[in-house]
Amino acid sequence: MFNIEEFDIKLDTEIIGRNFVYCDEVESTNDLLLKSKDFNQHGTVLMAEFQTHGKGRKNREWISNAAQNLTFSILLKQNYPEKKINIINLLSSLSVAQALENLYQLNIELKWPNDVLVNKRKIAGILLESVSKGKKIEKLVVGIGINVNQPNFPGKFEIQPTSVRKEFKSIVSRERLLSEVLNIFENLLATAFENSNKILNDWRERCKMIGERVKIIQDNKTLVGVFDDIDEEGYLMLKSEDKIEKIHYGDVSLR
C-alpha cells in the first residue's frame, strides 16, 4: 500500500499536497473535491487507491487497477483568470512528463490537449473540472491518472495504454513519483503567472504533432488541417486552406 511517510519525506512544496487526503476507494477524486464542502483548502491533494467511476475527458471511463497506479486530484482555490485555465491544463501534463523524465529517463511525448505518451502509448491523462459562480471560478480541480505499476491492460482502447513498469522494466515507487509530480507542478504553476511563454515552449518541445496534418473530432464534427501551433492560451491553431482556426477541444489524431 501507499506509504504516506515516504511520500512526505520526498515532498518539497510549500502549498501543493501539504494537505494530503488518502482514500482506499471513492467514486471519483475529481467529483469528491469539487462537490464536497469538506475540502476548501487551496493545494489539497486527494489520492484514491481505487475509483469506482474514474473518468477522463467526455466522461470516458478511466480504468485503473487498485493499489498499482496513481489516481489523484489537486484543488486550486485561487482566482485564476479564465484565459489561464488551459495553460494550467498544459502545465499539468508537463509536470507528469518532467517527473517521468527526471526519475526514469523515459522519452515523453505530449498530445494536445491532455495526454502523456511513451512510444505512442498513453501513460497518463489529465482532466480539469471547475465549479463557477457567475464569471468567477470557485474551485478548479486538476485530476491526474498515471499508469505506474500495472503490468497489462486488457481490452480495446483508442490509444493503447502503457505503464512506467512496462517502459522502465521495473516496479517503481509511487510515493517518489507522486512527490516529484507535485514538486514540479507547484513550480510550474508559479511560472505560469510570471512567464507563461516558458510553459508553452516547454510543452511545444514535447509535442510531435505540431506541423503535421491532423484530424480533429469534435462531437459529431470532423476537422482536417495542419496543427500549426498553440496560441498564447494554449489552444490548438488549425490551418486549413487559407485560414487558421482556434480549437478549444477535440480528439486529435494524425491524418
C-alpha atoms as a PDB file:
ATOM      1  CA  MET A   1       0.000   0.000   0.000  1.00  0.00           C
ATOM      2  CA  PHE A   2       0.942   3.648  -0.343  1.00  0.00           C
ATOM      3  CA  ASN A   3       3.449   4.798   2.290  1.00  0.00           C
ATOM      4  CA  ILE A   4       2.442   8.328   3.285  1.00  0.00           C
ATOM      5  CA  GLU A   5       5.609   8.872   5.344  1.00  0.00           C
ATOM      6  CA  GLU A   6       7.837   8.024   2.383  1.00  0.00           C
ATOM      7  CA  PHE A   7       5.789  10.365   0.188  1.00  0.00           C
ATOM      8  CA  ASP A   8       6.000  13.188   2.730  1.00  0.00           C
ATOM      9  CA  ILE A   9       9.802  12.931   3.014  1.00  0.00           C
ATOM     10  CA  LYS A  10      10.156  13.474  -0.746  1.00  0.00           C
ATOM     11  CA  LEU A  11       7.553  16.262  -0.945  1.00  0.00           C
ATOM     12  CA  ASP A  12       9.293  19.625  -1.295  1.00  0.00           C
ATOM     13  CA  THR A  13       6.395  22.047  -1.728  1.00  0.00           C
ATOM     14  CA  GLU A  14       5.069  24.962   0.280  1.00  0.00           C
ATOM     15  CA  ILE A  15       1.383  24.514  -0.523  1.00  0.00           C
ATOM     16  CA  ILE A  16       0.569  21.789  -3.050  1.00  0.00           C
ATOM     17  CA  GLY A  17      -0.004  18.473  -1.279  1.00  0.00           C
ATOM     18  CA  ARG A  18       0.634  19.791   2.228  1.00  0.00           C
ATOM     19  CA  ASN A  19      -2.994  18.936   2.934  1.00  0.00           C
ATOM     20  CA  PHE A  20      -2.942  15.327   1.694  1.00  0.00           C
ATOM     21  CA  VAL A  21      -6.042  13.145   1.804  1.00  0.00           C
ATOM     22  CA  TYR A  22      -5.616   9.408   1.204  1.00  0.00           C
ATOM     23  CA  CYS A  23      -8.607   7.162   0.454  1.00  0.00           C
ATOM     24  CA  ASP A  24      -8.931   3.461  -0.231  1.00  0.00           C
ATOM     25  CA  GLU A  25     -11.897   3.894  -2.570  1.00  0.00           C
ATOM     26  CA  VAL A  26     -14.001   6.762  -3.919  1.00  0.00           C
ATOM     27  CA  GLU A  27     -16.275   7.209  -6.914  1.00  0.00           C
ATOM     28  CA  SER A  28     -14.072   9.920  -8.418  1.00  0.00           C
ATOM     29  CA  THR A  29     -11.329  12.046  -6.833  1.00  0.00           C
ATOM     30  CA  ASN A  30     -12.349  14.996  -9.031  1.00  0.00           C
ATOM     31  CA  ASP A  31     -16.006  14.757  -8.025  1.00  0.00           C
ATOM     32  CA  LEU A  32     -15.192  14.475  -4.328  1.00  0.00           C
ATOM     33  CA  LEU A  33     -13.010  17.596  -4.318  1.00  0.00           C
ATOM     34  CA  LEU A  34     -15.478  19.549  -6.433  1.00  0.00           C
ATOM     35  CA  LYS A  35     -18.697  18.657  -4.642  1.00  0.00           C
ATOM     36  CA  SER A  36     -17.746  18.111  -1.007  1.00  0.00           C
ATOM     37  CA  LYS A  37     -17.931  21.084   1.370  1.00  0.00           C
ATOM     38  CA  ASP A  38     -15.234  19.392   3.467  1.00  0.00           C
ATOM     39  CA  PHE A  39     -12.489  20.342   1.010  1.00  0.00           C
ATOM     40  CA  ASN A  40     -11.807  24.046   0.602  1.00  0.00           C
ATOM     41  CA  GLN A  41      -8.082  24.428   1.215  1.00  0.00           C
ATOM     42  CA  HIS A  42      -6.025  25.580  -1.754  1.00  0.00           C
ATOM     43  CA  GLY A  43      -3.444  22.972  -2.714  1.00  0.00           C
ATOM     44  CA  THR A  44      -5.288  19.992  -1.213  1.00  0.00           C
ATOM     45  CA  VAL A  45      -4.352  16.717  -2.921  1.00  0.00           C
ATOM     46  CA  LEU A  46      -6.765  13.790  -2.712  1.00  0.00           C
ATOM     47  CA  MET A  47      -5.476  10.381  -3.778  1.00  0.00           C
ATOM     48  CA  ALA A  48      -7.512   7.186  -4.033  1.00  0.00           C
ATOM     49  CA  GLU A  49      -6.261   3.655  -4.454  1.00  0.00           C
ATOM     50  CA  PHE A  50      -9.348   2.836  -6.490  1.00  0.00           C
ATOM     51  CA  GLN A  51     -12.060   4.858  -8.241  1.00  0.00           C
ATOM     52  CA  THR A  52     -15.379   3.160  -8.925  1.00  0.00           C
ATOM     53  CA  HIS A  53     -16.236   5.850 -11.503  1.00  0.00           C
ATOM     54  CA  GLY A  54     -12.859   7.186 -12.602  1.00  0.00           C
ATOM     55  CA  LYS A  55     -13.189   9.317 -15.728  1.00  0.00           C
ATOM     56  CA  GLY A  56     -11.325  11.075 -18.474  1.00  0.00           C
ATOM     57  CA  ARG A  57     -12.494  13.669 -20.960  1.00  0.00           C
ATOM     58  CA  LYS A  58     -16.060  13.322 -22.296  1.00  0.00           C
ATOM     59  CA  ASN A  59     -16.861  11.160 -19.250  1.00  0.00           C
ATOM     60  CA  ARG A  60     -14.856   8.280 -20.690  1.00  0.00           C
ATOM     61  CA  GLU A  61     -14.100   5.631 -18.109  1.00  0.00           C
ATOM     62  CA  TRP A  62     -10.584   5.664 -16.656  1.00  0.00           C
ATOM     63  CA  ILE A  63      -9.756   2.047 -15.766  1.00  0.00           C
ATOM     64  CA  SER A  64      -7.004   1.598 -13.190  1.00  0.00           C
ATOM     65  CA  ASN A  65      -6.083  -1.415 -11.066  1.00  0.00           C
ATOM     66  CA  ALA A  66      -6.313  -0.817  -7.317  1.00  0.00           C
ATOM     67  CA  ALA A  67      -3.059  -0.004  -5.485  1.00  0.00           C
ATOM     68  CA  GLN A  68      -0.895  -0.160  -8.623  1.00  0.00           C
ATOM     69  CA  ASN A  69      -1.209   3.317 -10.108  1.00  0.00           C
ATOM     70  CA  LEU A  70      -1.646   6.966  -9.169  1.00  0.00           C
ATOM     71  CA  THR A  71      -5.118   8.487  -9.380  1.00  0.00           C
ATOM     72  CA  PHE A  72      -5.304  11.848  -7.628  1.00  0.00           C
ATOM     73  CA  SER A  73      -6.712  15.355  -7.871  1.00  0.00           C
ATOM     74  CA  ILE A  74      -5.345  18.766  -6.913  1.00  0.00           C
ATOM     75  CA  LEU A  75      -7.677  21.502  -5.615  1.00  0.00           C
ATOM     76  CA  LEU A  76      -6.874  25.060  -6.709  1.00  0.00           C
ATOM     77  CA  LYS A  77      -8.789  27.841  -4.983  1.00  0.00           C
ATOM     78  CA  GLN A  78      -7.059  30.994  -6.173  1.00  0.00           C
ATOM     79  CA  ASN A  79      -8.933  33.306  -8.511  1.00  0.00           C
ATOM     80  CA  TYR A  80      -7.437  32.208 -11.821  1.00  0.00           C
ATOM     81  CA  PRO A  81      -8.360  34.223 -14.923  1.00  0.00           C
ATOM     82  CA  GLU A  82     -10.270  32.182 -17.474  1.00  0.00           C
ATOM     83  CA  LYS A  83      -7.591  32.673 -20.135  1.00  0.00           C
ATOM     84  CA  LYS A  84      -5.049  30.890 -17.889  1.00  0.00           C
ATOM     85  CA  ILE A  85      -7.124  27.738 -17.355  1.00  0.00           C
ATOM     86  CA  ASN A  86      -5.877  25.891 -20.424  1.00  0.00           C
ATOM     87  CA  ILE A  87      -2.279  26.795 -19.535  1.00  0.00           C
ATOM     88  CA  ILE A  88      -2.877  25.041 -16.196  1.00  0.00           C
ATOM     89  CA  ASN A  89      -4.026  22.034 -18.235  1.00  0.00           C
ATOM     90  CA  LEU A  90      -0.781  22.081 -20.248  1.00  0.00           C
ATOM     91  CA  LEU A  91       1.470  22.579 -17.222  1.00  0.00           C
ATOM     92  CA  SER A  92      -0.223  19.616 -15.523  1.00  0.00           C
ATOM     93  CA  SER A  93       0.759  17.261 -18.338  1.00  0.00           C
ATOM     94  CA  LEU A  94       4.178  18.918 -18.425  1.00  0.00           C
ATOM     95  CA  SER A  95       4.605  18.189 -14.689  1.00  0.00           C
ATOM     96  CA  VAL A  96       3.980  14.483 -15.301  1.00  0.00           C
ATOM     97  CA  ALA A  97       6.305  14.480 -18.320  1.00  0.00           C
ATOM     98  CA  GLN A  98       9.182  16.126 -16.462  1.00  0.00           C
ATOM     99  CA  ALA A  99       8.771  13.821 -13.455  1.00  0.00           C
ATOM    100  CA  LEU A 100       8.896  10.711 -15.660  1.00  0.00           C
ATOM    101  CA  GLU A 101      11.925  12.072 -17.497  1.00  0.00           C
ATOM    102  CA  ASN A 102      13.740  13.010 -14.280  1.00  0.00           C
ATOM    103  CA  LEU A 103      13.158   9.726 -12.466  1.00  0.00           C
ATOM    104  CA  TYR A 104      13.055   7.123 -15.219  1.00  0.00           C
ATOM    105  CA  GLN A 105      14.603   8.768 -18.317  1.00  0.00           C
ATOM    106  CA  LEU A 106      11.536   7.928 -20.387  1.00  0.00           C
ATOM    107  CA  ASN A 107      11.102   9.543 -23.799  1.00  0.00           C
ATOM    108  CA  ILE A 108       7.881  11.501 -23.309  1.00  0.00           C
ATOM    109  CA  GLU A 109       5.581  12.934 -25.938  1.00  0.00           C
ATOM    110  CA  LEU A 110       2.675  15.271 -25.144  1.00  0.00           C
ATOM    111  CA  LYS A 111      -0.521  15.077 -27.157  1.00  0.00           C
ATOM    112  CA  TRP A 112      -2.921  18.006 -27.202  1.00  0.00           C
ATOM    113  CA  PRO A 113      -4.876  18.671 -25.112  1.00  0.00           C
ATOM    114  CA  ASN A 114      -4.070  16.434 -22.133  1.00  0.00           C
ATOM    115  CA  ASP A 115      -2.387  13.096 -22.915  1.00  0.00           C
ATOM    116  CA  VAL A 116       1.085  11.949 -21.880  1.00  0.00           C
ATOM    117  CA  LEU A 117       2.561   9.303 -24.190  1.00  0.00           C
ATOM    118  CA  VAL A 118       5.577   6.991 -24.260  1.00  0.00           C
ATOM    119  CA  ASN A 119       6.320   5.301 -27.601  1.00  0.00           C
ATOM    120  CA  LYS A 120       2.865   6.426 -28.836  1.00  0.00           C
ATOM    121  CA  ARG A 121       1.175   4.658 -25.909  1.00  0.00           C
ATOM    122  CA  LYS A 122      -0.743   6.508 -23.202  1.00  0.00           C
ATOM    123  CA  ILE A 123       0.917   6.544 -19.785  1.00  0.00           C
ATOM    124  CA  ALA A 124      -1.082   9.376 -18.186  1.00  0.00           C
ATOM    125  CA  GLY A 125      -4.059  11.669 -18.672  1.00  0.00           C
ATOM    126  CA  ILE A 126      -5.287  14.956 -17.235  1.00  0.00           C
ATOM    127  CA  LEU A 127      -8.844  16.183 -16.579  1.00  0.00           C
ATOM    128  CA  LEU A 128      -9.601  19.740 -15.430  1.00  0.00           C
ATOM    129  CA  GLU A 129     -13.022  20.481 -13.960  1.00  0.00           C
ATOM    130  CA  SER A 130     -14.370  23.529 -12.175  1.00  0.00           C
ATOM    131  CA  VAL A 131     -17.245  24.996 -10.217  1.00  0.00           C
ATOM    132  CA  SER A 132     -18.152  28.602 -11.044  1.00  0.00           C
ATOM    133  CA  LYS A 133     -20.352  31.294  -9.571  1.00  0.00           C
ATOM    134  CA  GLY A 134     -21.108  33.914 -12.187  1.00  0.00           C
ATOM    135  CA  LYS A 135     -17.828  34.548 -14.005  1.00  0.00           C
ATOM    136  CA  LYS A 136     -15.699  33.571 -11.008  1.00  0.00           C
ATOM    137  CA  ILE A 137     -14.225  30.085 -10.752  1.00  0.00           C
ATOM    138  CA  GLU A 138     -14.732  28.982  -7.140  1.00  0.00           C
ATOM    139  CA  LYS A 139     -12.992  25.622  -7.395  1.00  0.00           C
ATOM    140  CA  LEU A 140     -10.624  24.316 -10.055  1.00  0.00           C
ATOM    141  CA  VAL A 141      -9.658  20.657  -9.809  1.00  0.00           C
ATOM    142  CA  VAL A 142      -6.818  19.028 -11.720  1.00  0.00           C
ATOM    143  CA  GLY A 143      -7.360  15.275 -11.992  1.00  0.00           C
ATOM    144  CA  ILE A 144      -4.314  13.200 -12.924  1.00  0.00           C
ATOM    145  CA  GLY A 145      -4.123   9.485 -13.656  1.00  0.00           C
ATOM    146  CA  ILE A 146      -0.724   7.833 -14.151  1.00  0.00           C
ATOM    147  CA  ASN A 147      -0.251   4.179 -15.039  1.00  0.00           C
ATOM    148  CA  VAL A 148       2.597   3.210 -12.726  1.00  0.00           C
ATOM    149  CA  ASN A 149       2.931  -0.466 -11.790  1.00  0.00           C
ATOM    150  CA  GLN A 150       0.053  -2.053 -13.698  1.00  0.00           C
ATOM    151  CA  PRO A 151       1.565  -4.911 -15.767  1.00  0.00           C
ATOM    152  CA  ASN A 152      -1.053  -5.235 -18.522  1.00  0.00           C
ATOM    153  CA  PHE A 153      -4.133  -3.559 -19.970  1.00  0.00           C
ATOM    154  CA  PRO A 154      -6.720  -5.976 -21.397  1.00  0.00           C
ATOM    155  CA  GLY A 155      -9.402  -4.566 -23.650  1.00  0.00           C
ATOM    156  CA  LYS A 156      -9.647  -2.210 -26.626  1.00  0.00           C
ATOM    157  CA  PHE A 157      -8.525   1.412 -26.423  1.00  0.00           C
ATOM    158  CA  GLU A 158      -8.378   4.394 -28.787  1.00  0.00           C
ATOM    159  CA  ILE A 159      -4.762   4.864 -27.693  1.00  0.00           C
ATOM    160  CA  GLN A 160      -3.046   1.746 -26.359  1.00  0.00           C
ATOM    161  CA  PRO A 161      -2.070   2.226 -22.674  1.00  0.00           C
ATOM    162  CA  THR A 162       1.297   1.546 -21.101  1.00  0.00           C
ATOM    163  CA  SER A 163       2.797   1.995 -17.637  1.00  0.00           C
ATOM    164  CA  VAL A 164       6.046   3.072 -16.026  1.00  0.00           C
ATOM    165  CA  ARG A 165       6.609  -0.560 -15.067  1.00  0.00           C
ATOM    166  CA  LYS A 166       6.262  -1.722 -18.678  1.00  0.00           C
ATOM    167  CA  GLU A 167       8.525   1.010 -20.066  1.00  0.00           C
ATOM    168  CA  PHE A 168      11.123   1.135 -17.273  1.00  0.00           C
ATOM    169  CA  LYS A 169      11.146  -2.669 -16.892  1.00  0.00           C
ATOM    170  CA  SER A 170      10.825  -2.455 -13.115  1.00  0.00           C
ATOM    171  CA  ILE A 171       8.303  -1.809 -10.354  1.00  0.00           C
ATOM    172  CA  VAL A 172       8.808   1.768  -9.136  1.00  0.00           C
ATOM    173  CA  SER A 173       7.960   3.856  -6.074  1.00  0.00           C
ATOM    174  CA  ARG A 174       4.572   5.521  -6.417  1.00  0.00           C
ATOM    175  CA  GLU A 175       5.447   7.684  -3.405  1.00  0.00           C
ATOM    176  CA  ARG A 176       8.527   9.097  -5.070  1.00  0.00           C
ATOM    177  CA  LEU A 177       6.739   9.677  -8.377  1.00  0.00           C
ATOM    178  CA  LEU A 178       3.787  11.472  -6.790  1.00  0.00           C
ATOM    179  CA  SER A 179       6.038  13.781  -4.761  1.00  0.00           C
ATOM    180  CA  GLU A 180       8.099  14.573  -7.875  1.00  0.00           C
ATOM    181  CA  VAL A 181       4.982  15.433  -9.899  1.00  0.00           C
ATOM    182  CA  LEU A 182       3.674  17.737  -7.143  1.00  0.00           C
ATOM    183  CA  ASN A 183       7.057  19.414  -6.619  1.00  0.00           C
ATOM    184  CA  ILE A 184       7.248  20.244 -10.331  1.00  0.00           C
ATOM    185  CA  PHE A 185       3.558  21.210 -10.505  1.00  0.00           C
ATOM    186  CA  GLU A 186       3.973  23.860  -7.797  1.00  0.00           C
ATOM    187  CA  ASN A 187       6.995  25.358  -9.562  1.00  0.00           C
ATOM    188  CA  LEU A 188       5.287  25.379 -12.957  1.00  0.00           C
ATOM    189  CA  LEU A 189       2.104  26.877 -11.503  1.00  0.00           C
ATOM    190  CA  ALA A 190       4.141  29.831 -10.225  1.00  0.00           C
ATOM    191  CA  THR A 191       5.949  30.093 -13.577  1.00  0.00           C
ATOM    192  CA  ALA A 192       2.634  30.171 -15.443  1.00  0.00           C
ATOM    193  CA  PHE A 193       1.828  33.575 -13.977  1.00  0.00           C
ATOM    194  CA  GLU A 194       5.317  35.034 -14.261  1.00  0.00           C
ATOM    195  CA  ASN A 195       6.285  33.681 -17.685  1.00  0.00           C
ATOM    196  CA  SER A 196       3.579  31.635 -19.387  1.00  0.00           C
ATOM    197  CA  ASN A 197       5.678  31.527 -22.576  1.00  0.00           C
ATOM    198  CA  LYS A 198       8.116  29.176 -20.836  1.00  0.00           C
ATOM    199  CA  ILE A 199       5.259  26.735 -20.146  1.00  0.00           C
ATOM    200  CA  LEU A 200       4.081  26.961 -23.747  1.00  0.00           C
ATOM    201  CA  ASN A 201       7.573  26.493 -25.201  1.00  0.00           C
ATOM    202  CA  ASP A 202       8.404  23.549 -22.914  1.00  0.00           C
ATOM    203  CA  TRP A 203       5.116  21.936 -23.929  1.00  0.00           C
ATOM    204  CA  ARG A 204       5.788  22.577 -27.649  1.00  0.00           C
ATOM    205  CA  GLU A 205       9.154  20.806 -27.378  1.00  0.00           C
ATOM    206  CA  ARG A 206       7.391  17.583 -26.399  1.00  0.00           C
ATOM    207  CA  CYS A 207       4.536  17.733 -28.914  1.00  0.00           C
ATOM    208  CA  LYS A 208       5.447  15.833 -32.087  1.00  0.00           C
ATOM    209  CA  MET A 209       2.195  16.707 -33.873  1.00  0.00           C
ATOM    210  CA  ILE A 210       2.947  20.399 -34.439  1.00  0.00           C
ATOM    211  CA  GLY A 211       3.463  20.933 -38.152  1.00  0.00           C
ATOM    212  CA  GLU A 212       1.695  17.673 -39.053  1.00  0.00           C
ATOM    213  CA  ARG A 213      -1.600  17.168 -40.854  1.00  0.00           C
ATOM    214  CA  VAL A 214      -4.207  16.120 -38.293  1.00  0.00           C
ATOM    215  CA  LYS A 215      -7.848  15.143 -37.926  1.00  0.00           C
ATOM    216  CA  ILE A 216      -9.876  16.619 -35.055  1.00  0.00           C
ATOM    217  CA  ILE A 217     -13.174  15.115 -33.964  1.00  0.00           C
ATOM    218  CA  GLN A 218     -15.497  17.477 -32.065  1.00  0.00           C
ATOM    219  CA  ASP A 219     -18.708  15.715 -31.067  1.00  0.00           C
ATOM    220  CA  ASN A 220     -20.257  14.961 -34.498  1.00  0.00           C
ATOM    221  CA  LYS A 221     -17.979  17.306 -36.475  1.00  0.00           C
ATOM    222  CA  THR A 222     -14.642  16.389 -38.085  1.00  0.00           C
ATOM    223  CA  LEU A 223     -11.987  18.968 -38.967  1.00  0.00           C
ATOM    224  CA  VAL A 224      -8.850  18.374 -41.029  1.00  0.00           C
ATOM    225  CA  GLY A 225      -5.805  20.588 -41.405  1.00  0.00           C
ATOM    226  CA  VAL A 226      -2.277  21.279 -40.217  1.00  0.00           C
ATOM    227  CA  PHE A 227      -1.572  21.565 -36.481  1.00  0.00           C
ATOM    228  CA  ASP A 228       0.056  24.956 -36.946  1.00  0.00           C
ATOM    229  CA  ASP A 229       0.881  25.806 -33.309  1.00  0.00           C
ATOM    230  CA  ILE A 230      -0.665  26.535 -29.927  1.00  0.00           C
ATOM    231  CA  ASP A 231      -1.610  30.130 -29.155  1.00  0.00           C
ATOM    232  CA  GLU A 232      -0.811  32.222 -26.064  1.00  0.00           C
ATOM    233  CA  GLU A 233      -3.635  30.496 -24.144  1.00  0.00           C
ATOM    234  CA  GLY A 234      -2.525  27.003 -25.159  1.00  0.00           C
ATOM    235  CA  TYR A 235      -5.286  26.328 -27.686  1.00  0.00           C
ATOM    236  CA  LEU A 236      -4.618  24.448 -30.909  1.00  0.00           C
ATOM    237  CA  MET A 237      -4.344  26.544 -34.062  1.00  0.00           C
ATOM    238  CA  LEU A 238      -5.577  24.549 -37.057  1.00  0.00           C
ATOM    239  CA  LYS A 239      -4.508  25.716 -40.518  1.00  0.00           C
ATOM    240  CA  SER A 240      -6.745  24.683 -43.389  1.00  0.00           C
ATOM    241  CA  GLU A 241      -6.523  26.231 -46.856  1.00  0.00           C
ATOM    242  CA  ASP A 242      -6.027  29.956 -46.245  1.00  0.00           C
ATOM    243  CA  LYS A 243      -7.458  30.271 -42.729  1.00  0.00           C
ATOM    244  CA  ILE A 244      -6.353  29.476 -39.172  1.00  0.00           C
ATOM    245  CA  GLU A 245      -8.986  28.358 -36.663  1.00  0.00           C
ATOM    246  CA  LYS A 246      -8.645  28.228 -32.879  1.00  0.00           C
ATOM    247  CA  ILE A 247      -9.623  24.815 -31.471  1.00  0.00           C
ATOM    248  CA  HIS A 248     -10.765  24.669 -27.823  1.00  0.00           C
ATOM    249  CA  TYR A 249     -11.403  20.916 -27.585  1.00  0.00           C
ATOM    250  CA  GLY A 250     -11.434  17.719 -29.597  1.00  0.00           C
ATOM    251  CA  ASP A 251      -9.762  14.358 -30.186  1.00  0.00           C
ATOM    252  CA  VAL A 252      -6.658  14.862 -32.309  1.00  0.00           C
ATOM    253  CA  SER A 253      -5.016  12.206 -34.456  1.00  0.00           C
ATOM    254  CA  LEU A 254      -2.545  12.239 -37.327  1.00  0.00           C
ATOM    255  CA  ARG A 255      -4.274  12.396 -40.678  1.00  0.00           C
END
